[in-house]
C-alpha atoms as a PDB file:
ATOM      1  CA  MET A   1      16.145   4.699 -27.762  1.00  0.00           C
ATOM      2  CA  THR A   2      19.351   3.932 -29.661  1.00  0.00           C
ATOM      3  CA  PHE A   3      19.898   2.634 -33.201  1.00  0.00           C
ATOM      4  CA  ASP A   4      23.058   1.071 -34.606  1.00  0.00           C
ATOM      5  CA  PRO A   5      23.039   1.593 -38.397  1.00  0.00           C
ATOM      6  CA  GLU A   6      25.772  -0.996 -38.977  1.00  0.00           C
ATOM      7  CA  SER A   7      23.938  -3.852 -37.279  1.00  0.00           C
ATOM      8  CA  GLY A   8      20.461  -2.478 -37.792  1.00  0.00           C
ATOM      9  CA  LYS A   9      19.756  -3.090 -34.115  1.00  0.00           C
ATOM     10  CA  ALA A  10      17.492  -0.742 -32.189  1.00  0.00           C
ATOM     11  CA  THR A  11      17.407  -0.691 -28.382  1.00  0.00           C
ATOM     12  CA  MET A  12      15.002   1.031 -26.009  1.00  0.00           C
ATOM     13  CA  SER A  13      15.936   1.404 -22.339  1.00  0.00           C
ATOM     14  CA  TRP A  14      13.734   2.142 -19.312  1.00  0.00           C
ATOM     15  CA  ASP A  15      14.966   3.296 -15.914  1.00  0.00           C
ATOM     16  CA  LEU A  16      12.589   1.666 -13.437  1.00  0.00           C
ATOM     17  CA  PRO A  17      12.266   1.965  -9.643  1.00  0.00           C
ATOM     18  CA  ASP A  18      13.640  -0.554  -7.191  1.00  0.00           C
ATOM     19  CA  GLU A  19      11.259  -3.526  -7.041  1.00  0.00           C
ATOM     20  CA  GLU A  20      10.773  -3.493  -3.266  1.00  0.00           C
ATOM     21  CA  THR A  21      10.076   0.240  -3.348  1.00  0.00           C
ATOM     22  CA  LEU A  22       7.447  -0.172  -6.057  1.00  0.00           C
ATOM     23  CA  ASP A  23       5.920  -3.158  -4.248  1.00  0.00           C
ATOM     24  CA  SER A  24       5.512  -1.008  -1.148  1.00  0.00           C
ATOM     25  CA  LEU A  25       3.976   1.874  -3.096  1.00  0.00           C
ATOM     26  CA  ALA A  26       1.642  -0.499  -4.945  1.00  0.00           C
ATOM     27  CA  ALA A  27       0.374  -1.934  -1.654  1.00  0.00           C
ATOM     28  CA  ARG A  28      -0.536   1.595  -0.522  1.00  0.00           C
ATOM     29  CA  CYS A  29      -2.063   2.616  -3.857  1.00  0.00           C
ATOM     30  CA  ARG A  30      -4.015  -0.543  -4.690  1.00  0.00           C
ATOM     31  CA  PRO A  31      -7.058   0.330  -2.490  1.00  0.00           C
ATOM     32  CA  PHE A  32      -7.733   3.367  -4.725  1.00  0.00           C
ATOM     33  CA  LEU A  33      -8.339   0.925  -7.608  1.00  0.00           C
ATOM     34  CA  LEU A  34     -10.599  -1.536  -5.756  1.00  0.00           C
ATOM     35  CA  LYS A  35     -14.307  -0.830  -6.251  1.00  0.00           C
ATOM     36  CA  GLY A  36     -15.161  -2.541  -2.972  1.00  0.00           C
ATOM     37  CA  ASP A  37     -12.718  -0.482  -0.905  1.00  0.00           C
ATOM     38  CA  PRO A  38     -13.912   2.588   1.027  1.00  0.00           C
ATOM     39  CA  VAL A  39     -11.167   4.702  -0.594  1.00  0.00           C
ATOM     40  CA  TYR A  40     -11.882   3.604  -4.171  1.00  0.00           C
ATOM     41  CA  HIS A  41     -11.234   6.740  -6.201  1.00  0.00           C
ATOM     42  CA  ALA A  42     -14.800   7.121  -7.510  1.00  0.00           C
ATOM     43  CA  LYS A  43     -16.217   6.930  -3.985  1.00  0.00           C
ATOM     44  CA  VAL A  44     -13.773   9.581  -2.808  1.00  0.00           C
ATOM     45  CA  THR A  45     -14.410  11.995  -5.672  1.00  0.00           C
ATOM     46  CA  ASN A  46     -18.184  11.507  -5.404  1.00  0.00           C
ATOM     47  CA  ALA A  47     -17.988  12.342  -1.705  1.00  0.00           C
ATOM     48  CA  LEU A  48     -15.981  15.472  -2.474  1.00  0.00           C
ATOM     49  CA  GLY A  49     -18.637  16.470  -4.981  1.00  0.00           C
ATOM     50  CA  PHE A  50     -21.235  16.492  -2.212  1.00  0.00           C
ATOM     51  CA  PHE A  51     -19.278  19.103  -0.262  1.00  0.00           C
ATOM     52  CA  ILE A  52     -18.881  21.499  -3.184  1.00  0.00           C
ATOM     53  CA  GLN A  53     -22.395  21.597  -4.607  1.00  0.00           C
ATOM     54  CA  ASP A  54     -22.566  25.348  -3.950  1.00  0.00           C
ATOM     55  CA  ALA A  55     -18.881  26.084  -4.585  1.00  0.00           C
ATOM     56  CA  PRO A  56     -17.691  28.466  -7.343  1.00  0.00           C
ATOM     57  CA  ASP A  57     -17.413  27.114 -10.876  1.00  0.00           C
ATOM     58  CA  ALA A  58     -13.598  27.047 -10.705  1.00  0.00           C
ATOM     59  CA  ILE A  59     -13.611  24.630  -7.776  1.00  0.00           C
ATOM     60  CA  ARG A  60     -16.222  22.393  -9.353  1.00  0.00           C
ATOM     61  CA  GLU A  61     -14.225  22.361 -12.584  1.00  0.00           C
ATOM     62  CA  ASP A  62     -11.089  21.291 -10.695  1.00  0.00           C
ATOM     63  CA  HIS A  63     -13.145  18.521  -9.120  1.00  0.00           C
ATOM     64  CA  ARG A  64     -14.390  17.366 -12.527  1.00  0.00           C
ATOM     65  CA  LYS A  65     -10.825  17.212 -13.881  1.00  0.00           C
ATOM     66  CA  ILE A  66      -9.624  15.181 -10.901  1.00  0.00           C
ATOM     67  CA  ARG A  67     -12.505  12.739 -11.233  1.00  0.00           C
ATOM     68  CA  GLU A  68     -11.907  12.327 -14.971  1.00  0.00           C
ATOM     69  CA  SER A  69      -8.158  11.826 -14.495  1.00  0.00           C
ATOM     70  CA  TRP A  70      -8.769   8.723 -12.378  1.00  0.00           C
ATOM     71  CA  ARG A  71     -10.984   6.881 -14.842  1.00  0.00           C
ATOM     72  CA  PRO A  72      -8.325   5.757 -17.360  1.00  0.00           C
ATOM     73  CA  LEU A  73      -6.590   3.853 -14.541  1.00  0.00           C
ATOM     74  CA  ASP A  74      -9.474   1.432 -14.000  1.00  0.00           C
ATOM     75  CA  PRO A  75      -8.931  -2.028 -15.534  1.00  0.00           C
ATOM     76  CA  GLY A  76     -12.260  -1.864 -17.370  1.00  0.00           C
ATOM     77  CA  ASP A  77     -11.368   1.374 -19.149  1.00  0.00           C
ATOM     78  CA  ARG A  78     -10.127   0.668 -22.684  1.00  0.00           C
ATOM     79  CA  ARG A  79      -7.661   3.561 -22.843  1.00  0.00           C
ATOM     80  CA  THR A  80      -3.938   2.852 -22.557  1.00  0.00           C
ATOM     81  CA  LEU A  81      -1.632   4.691 -20.186  1.00  0.00           C
ATOM     82  CA  GLY A  82       1.076   5.187 -22.765  1.00  0.00           C
ATOM     83  CA  TYR A  83       1.723   2.246 -25.077  1.00  0.00           C
ATOM     84  CA  GLU A  84       0.734  -1.139 -26.478  1.00  0.00           C
ATOM     85  CA  SER A  85       3.200  -3.961 -27.023  1.00  0.00           C
ATOM     86  CA  ARG A  86       3.821  -7.158 -28.984  1.00  0.00           C
ATOM     87  CA  THR A  87       6.648  -9.462 -28.078  1.00  0.00           C
ATOM     88  CA  GLY A  88       8.295 -12.616 -29.391  1.00  0.00           C
ATOM     89  CA  PHE A  89      11.551 -14.110 -30.640  1.00  0.00           C
ATOM     90  CA  VAL A  90      13.586 -12.084 -33.140  1.00  0.00           C
ATOM     91  CA  ALA A  91      13.391 -14.765 -35.803  1.00  0.00           C
ATOM     92  CA  GLY A  92       9.820 -15.768 -34.994  1.00  0.00           C
ATOM     93  CA  GLU A  93       6.352 -14.309 -35.051  1.00  0.00           C
ATOM     94  CA  LEU A  94       5.249 -11.688 -32.574  1.00  0.00           C
ATOM     95  CA  GLY A  95       2.443 -12.378 -30.152  1.00  0.00           C
ATOM     96  CA  GLU A  96      -0.829 -10.507 -29.912  1.00  0.00           C
ATOM     97  CA  LEU A  97      -0.993  -6.805 -29.107  1.00  0.00           C
ATOM     98  CA  VAL A  98      -1.358  -6.136 -25.356  1.00  0.00           C
ATOM     99  CA  THR A  99      -2.015  -2.780 -23.694  1.00  0.00           C
ATOM    100  CA  ASP A 100       0.234  -1.443 -20.981  1.00  0.00           C
ATOM    101  CA  LYS A 101      -2.704  -1.503 -18.585  1.00  0.00           C
ATOM    102  CA  GLU A 102      -3.333  -5.200 -19.197  1.00  0.00           C
ATOM    103  CA  LEU A 103       0.331  -5.860 -18.458  1.00  0.00           C
ATOM    104  CA  ALA A 104       0.213  -3.634 -15.382  1.00  0.00           C
ATOM    105  CA  TYR A 105      -2.762  -5.425 -13.873  1.00  0.00           C
ATOM    106  CA  ALA A 106      -1.179  -8.776 -14.724  1.00  0.00           C
ATOM    107  CA  TRP A 107       1.811  -7.689 -12.641  1.00  0.00           C
ATOM    108  CA  LEU A 108      -0.338  -6.267  -9.839  1.00  0.00           C
ATOM    109  CA  TYR A 109      -2.574  -9.312  -9.434  1.00  0.00           C
ATOM    110  CA  GLY A 110      -0.437 -12.069 -10.911  1.00  0.00           C
ATOM    111  CA  ASP A 111       3.075 -11.251  -9.725  1.00  0.00           C
ATOM    112  CA  LEU A 112       2.558  -9.015  -6.689  1.00  0.00           C
ATOM    113  CA  VAL A 113      -0.479 -10.344  -4.810  1.00  0.00           C
ATOM    114  CA  HIS A 114      -0.784 -13.723  -6.616  1.00  0.00           C
ATOM    115  CA  ALA A 115      -4.557 -13.412  -6.895  1.00  0.00           C
ATOM    116  CA  ASP A 116      -4.861 -14.005 -10.651  1.00  0.00           C
ATOM    117  CA  ASP A 117      -3.766 -17.429 -11.855  1.00  0.00           C
ATOM    118  CA  GLY A 118      -4.815 -16.681 -15.428  1.00  0.00           C
ATOM    119  CA  ALA A 119      -2.761 -13.514 -15.898  1.00  0.00           C
ATOM    120  CA  ASP A 120      -0.064 -15.253 -17.960  1.00  0.00           C
ATOM    121  CA  ASP A 121      -2.633 -16.339 -20.531  1.00  0.00           C
ATOM    122  CA  ARG A 122      -3.611 -12.755 -21.280  1.00  0.00           C
ATOM    123  CA  VAL A 123      -0.172 -11.177 -21.708  1.00  0.00           C
ATOM    124  CA  HIS A 124       0.847 -13.273 -24.739  1.00  0.00           C
ATOM    125  CA  GLY A 125       4.504 -13.876 -23.987  1.00  0.00           C
ATOM    126  CA  HIS A 126       5.332 -10.711 -22.066  1.00  0.00           C
ATOM    127  CA  ASP A 127       7.641 -11.721 -19.233  1.00  0.00           C
ATOM    128  CA  ILE A 128       7.790 -10.424 -15.671  1.00  0.00           C
ATOM    129  CA  ASP A 129      10.134  -7.593 -16.709  1.00  0.00           C
ATOM    130  CA  ALA A 130       7.579  -6.298 -19.206  1.00  0.00           C
ATOM    131  CA  ARG A 131       4.797  -6.650 -16.656  1.00  0.00           C
ATOM    132  CA  PHE A 132       6.840  -4.843 -13.995  1.00  0.00           C
ATOM    133  CA  GLN A 133       7.600  -2.009 -16.425  1.00  0.00           C
ATOM    134  CA  ALA A 134       3.889  -1.500 -17.070  1.00  0.00           C
ATOM    135  CA  GLY A 135       3.117  -1.876 -13.375  1.00  0.00           C
ATOM    136  CA  ALA A 136       5.534   0.949 -12.576  1.00  0.00           C
ATOM    137  CA  LEU A 137       3.695   3.191 -15.026  1.00  0.00           C
ATOM    138  CA  LEU A 138       0.302   2.345 -13.523  1.00  0.00           C
ATOM    139  CA  ILE A 139       1.316   2.776  -9.891  1.00  0.00           C
ATOM    140  CA  ALA A 140       3.154   6.030 -10.590  1.00  0.00           C
ATOM    141  CA  ASN A 141      -0.018   7.401 -12.172  1.00  0.00           C
ATOM    142  CA  VAL A 142      -2.120   6.273  -9.205  1.00  0.00           C
ATOM    143  CA  ALA A 143       0.303   7.895  -6.754  1.00  0.00           C
ATOM    144  CA  VAL A 144       0.294  11.204  -8.635  1.00  0.00           C
ATOM    145  CA  ARG A 145      -3.501  11.289  -8.743  1.00  0.00           C
ATOM    146  CA  ALA A 146      -3.763  10.349  -5.072  1.00  0.00           C
ATOM    147  CA  ILE A 147      -1.490  13.274  -4.150  1.00  0.00           C
ATOM    148  CA  GLY A 148      -3.493  15.614  -6.364  1.00  0.00           C
ATOM    149  CA  THR A 149      -6.774  14.483  -4.821  1.00  0.00           C
ATOM    150  CA  LEU A 150      -5.384  14.935  -1.313  1.00  0.00           C
ATOM    151  CA  ASN A 151      -4.166  18.436  -2.148  1.00  0.00           C
ATOM    152  CA  PHE A 152      -7.607  19.285  -3.538  1.00  0.00           C
ATOM    153  CA  LEU A 153      -9.194  18.024  -0.318  1.00  0.00           C
ATOM    154  CA  ARG A 154      -6.798  20.157   1.728  1.00  0.00           C
ATOM    155  CA  HIS A 155      -7.775  23.163  -0.350  1.00  0.00           C
ATOM    156  CA  LEU A 156     -11.459  22.495   0.322  1.00  0.00           C
ATOM    157  CA  GLN A 157     -10.665  22.185   4.020  1.00  0.00           C
ATOM    158  CA  ARG A 158      -8.898  25.553   4.060  1.00  0.00           C
ATOM    159  CA  GLU A 159     -11.838  27.154   2.248  1.00  0.00           C
ATOM    160  CA  GLY A 160     -14.285  25.725   4.787  1.00  0.00           C
ATOM    161  CA  TYR A 161     -16.177  23.320   2.529  1.00  0.00           C
ATOM    162  CA  THR A 162     -15.606  20.026   4.337  1.00  0.00           C
ATOM    163  CA  GLY A 163     -15.625  20.674   8.076  1.00  0.00           C
ATOM    164  CA  LEU A 164     -13.330  17.710   8.707  1.00  0.00           C
ATOM    165  CA  GLU A 165     -11.488  17.488  12.002  1.00  0.00           C
ATOM    166  CA  GLU A 166      -7.820  18.451  11.825  1.00  0.00           C
ATOM    167  CA  GLY A 167      -6.814  15.008  13.073  1.00  0.00           C
ATOM    168  CA  VAL A 168      -7.826  13.568   9.706  1.00  0.00           C
ATOM    169  CA  PHE A 169      -4.816  15.330   8.191  1.00  0.00           C
ATOM    170  CA  THR A 170      -2.331  14.957  11.049  1.00  0.00           C
ATOM    171  CA  GLU A 171      -2.866  11.404  12.321  1.00  0.00           C
ATOM    172  CA  ARG A 172       0.256   9.320  11.834  1.00  0.00           C
ATOM    173  CA  VAL A 173      -0.188   6.501   9.315  1.00  0.00           C
ATOM    174  CA  ILE A 174       3.413   5.260   8.986  1.00  0.00           C
ATOM    175  CA  ALA A 175       4.819   2.939  11.633  1.00  0.00           C
ATOM    176  CA  ARG A 176       8.034   4.050  13.352  1.00  0.00           C
ATOM    177  CA  THR A 177      11.042   1.804  12.872  1.00  0.00           C
ATOM    178  CA  ARG A 178      11.960   2.151  16.568  1.00  0.00           C
ATOM    179  CA  ARG A 179       9.731   1.980  19.637  1.00  0.00           C
ATOM    180  CA  ASP A 180      10.731   3.273  23.058  1.00  0.00           C
ATOM    181  CA  LEU A 181       8.241   1.915  25.599  1.00  0.00           C
ATOM    182  CA  THR A 182       7.929   2.936  29.221  1.00  0.00           C
ATOM    183  CA  LEU A 183       7.623  -0.275  31.253  1.00  0.00           C
ATOM    184  CA  ALA A 184       5.083   0.365  33.993  1.00  0.00           C
ATOM    185  CA  LYS A 185       5.956  -2.982  35.640  1.00  0.00           C
ATOM    186  CA  PHE A 186       8.367  -5.795  34.927  1.00  0.00           C
ATOM    187  CA  ALA A 187       9.431  -9.040  36.562  1.00  0.00           C
ATOM    188  CA  ILE A 188      12.469 -11.298  36.241  1.00  0.00           C
ATOM    189  CA  ALA A 189      12.138 -15.056  36.629  1.00  0.00           C
ATOM    190  CA  PRO A 190      14.094 -18.227  35.715  1.00  0.00           C
ATOM    191  CA  VAL A 191      13.630 -19.864  32.321  1.00  0.00           C
ATOM    192  CA  GLY A 192      10.626 -22.180  32.440  1.00  0.00           C
ATOM    193  CA  THR A 193       8.567 -20.036  34.818  1.00  0.00           C
ATOM    194  CA  THR A 194       4.895 -20.461  34.009  1.00  0.00           C
ATOM    195  CA  VAL A 195       2.752 -17.642  32.655  1.00  0.00           C
ATOM    196  CA  THR A 196       0.598 -17.847  35.773  1.00  0.00           C
ATOM    197  CA  ALA A 197       3.622 -17.334  37.999  1.00  0.00           C
ATOM    198  CA  LEU A 198       4.836 -14.422  35.889  1.00  0.00           C
ATOM    199  CA  GLU A 199       1.424 -12.769  36.083  1.00  0.00           C
ATOM    200  CA  ALA A 200       1.487 -13.159  39.861  1.00  0.00           C
ATOM    201  CA  LEU A 201       4.905 -11.482  39.979  1.00  0.00           C
ATOM    202  CA  LEU A 202       3.640  -8.622  37.832  1.00  0.00           C
ATOM    203  CA  ASP A 203       0.512  -8.195  39.936  1.00  0.00           C
ATOM    204  CA  GLY A 204       2.702  -7.808  42.995  1.00  0.00           C
ATOM    205  CA  ALA A 205       5.241  -5.516  41.379  1.00  0.00           C
ATOM    206  CA  THR A 206       5.353  -1.794  42.104  1.00  0.00           C
ATOM    207  CA  ALA A 207       4.684   0.541  39.195  1.00  0.00           C
ATOM    208  CA  HIS A 208       7.614   2.616  37.977  1.00  0.00           C
ATOM    209  CA  PRO A 209       7.383   6.099  39.533  1.00  0.00           C
ATOM    210  CA  ASP A 210       7.788   7.775  36.133  1.00  0.00           C
ATOM    211  CA  ALA A 211       5.053   5.716  34.483  1.00  0.00           C
ATOM    212  CA  ASP A 212       2.026   7.746  33.357  1.00  0.00           C
ATOM    213  CA  ASP A 213      -1.325   5.956  33.270  1.00  0.00           C
ATOM    214  CA  SER A 214      -2.326   8.097  30.315  1.00  0.00           C
ATOM    215  CA  ASP A 215       0.805   7.311  28.298  1.00  0.00           C
ATOM    216  CA  PRO A 216      -0.269   5.247  25.234  1.00  0.00           C
ATOM    217  CA  GLU A 217       3.283   3.947  24.930  1.00  0.00           C
ATOM    218  CA  ALA A 218       3.377   2.485  28.433  1.00  0.00           C
ATOM    219  CA  THR A 219       3.081  -1.266  28.791  1.00  0.00           C
END
């Protein structure tokens, strides 16, 4: 925040993430906030609680803290994440006070996924920049708590409380930006060749000698 005593003007600046980057992170984090989703945070933490019923007090206390840390992020929770805001023209009246979480959810459902047509009516003059700023705060908090919950789950796994298969932690969930496919068969035909004729060519083609029937990347 800066203040110019000569003009009496005060300015507050925020360094925010790239919009596309935040959009991508929000798409990955949003399921943790949806009560109907299998990975809604309360469902996850409740499930973890089942595994640690007989665990030492320290582990159960860590679990309680994680569960409590998620609750302020829900839209129905009245707590703010960090601030409340009023906005308006310099020479005019300011609008009504709006919490950062109201602005964040207006961005998430009004600007990002376009599922809330009435979001503008509840933000009382706060523009898309203000909504994006609050959205960045919300999504950053969700991401941090998701990482913390995952690390807690990994700790429980190492201590033998969950019995989950190792593949749960190692399965790839991010698509590669390049695919190298082994072509088991291919056919070349003139433009306009029918699908039926192409299939007949493929049926009669000889499989590539290096092709492995068990290779999931062969096509």
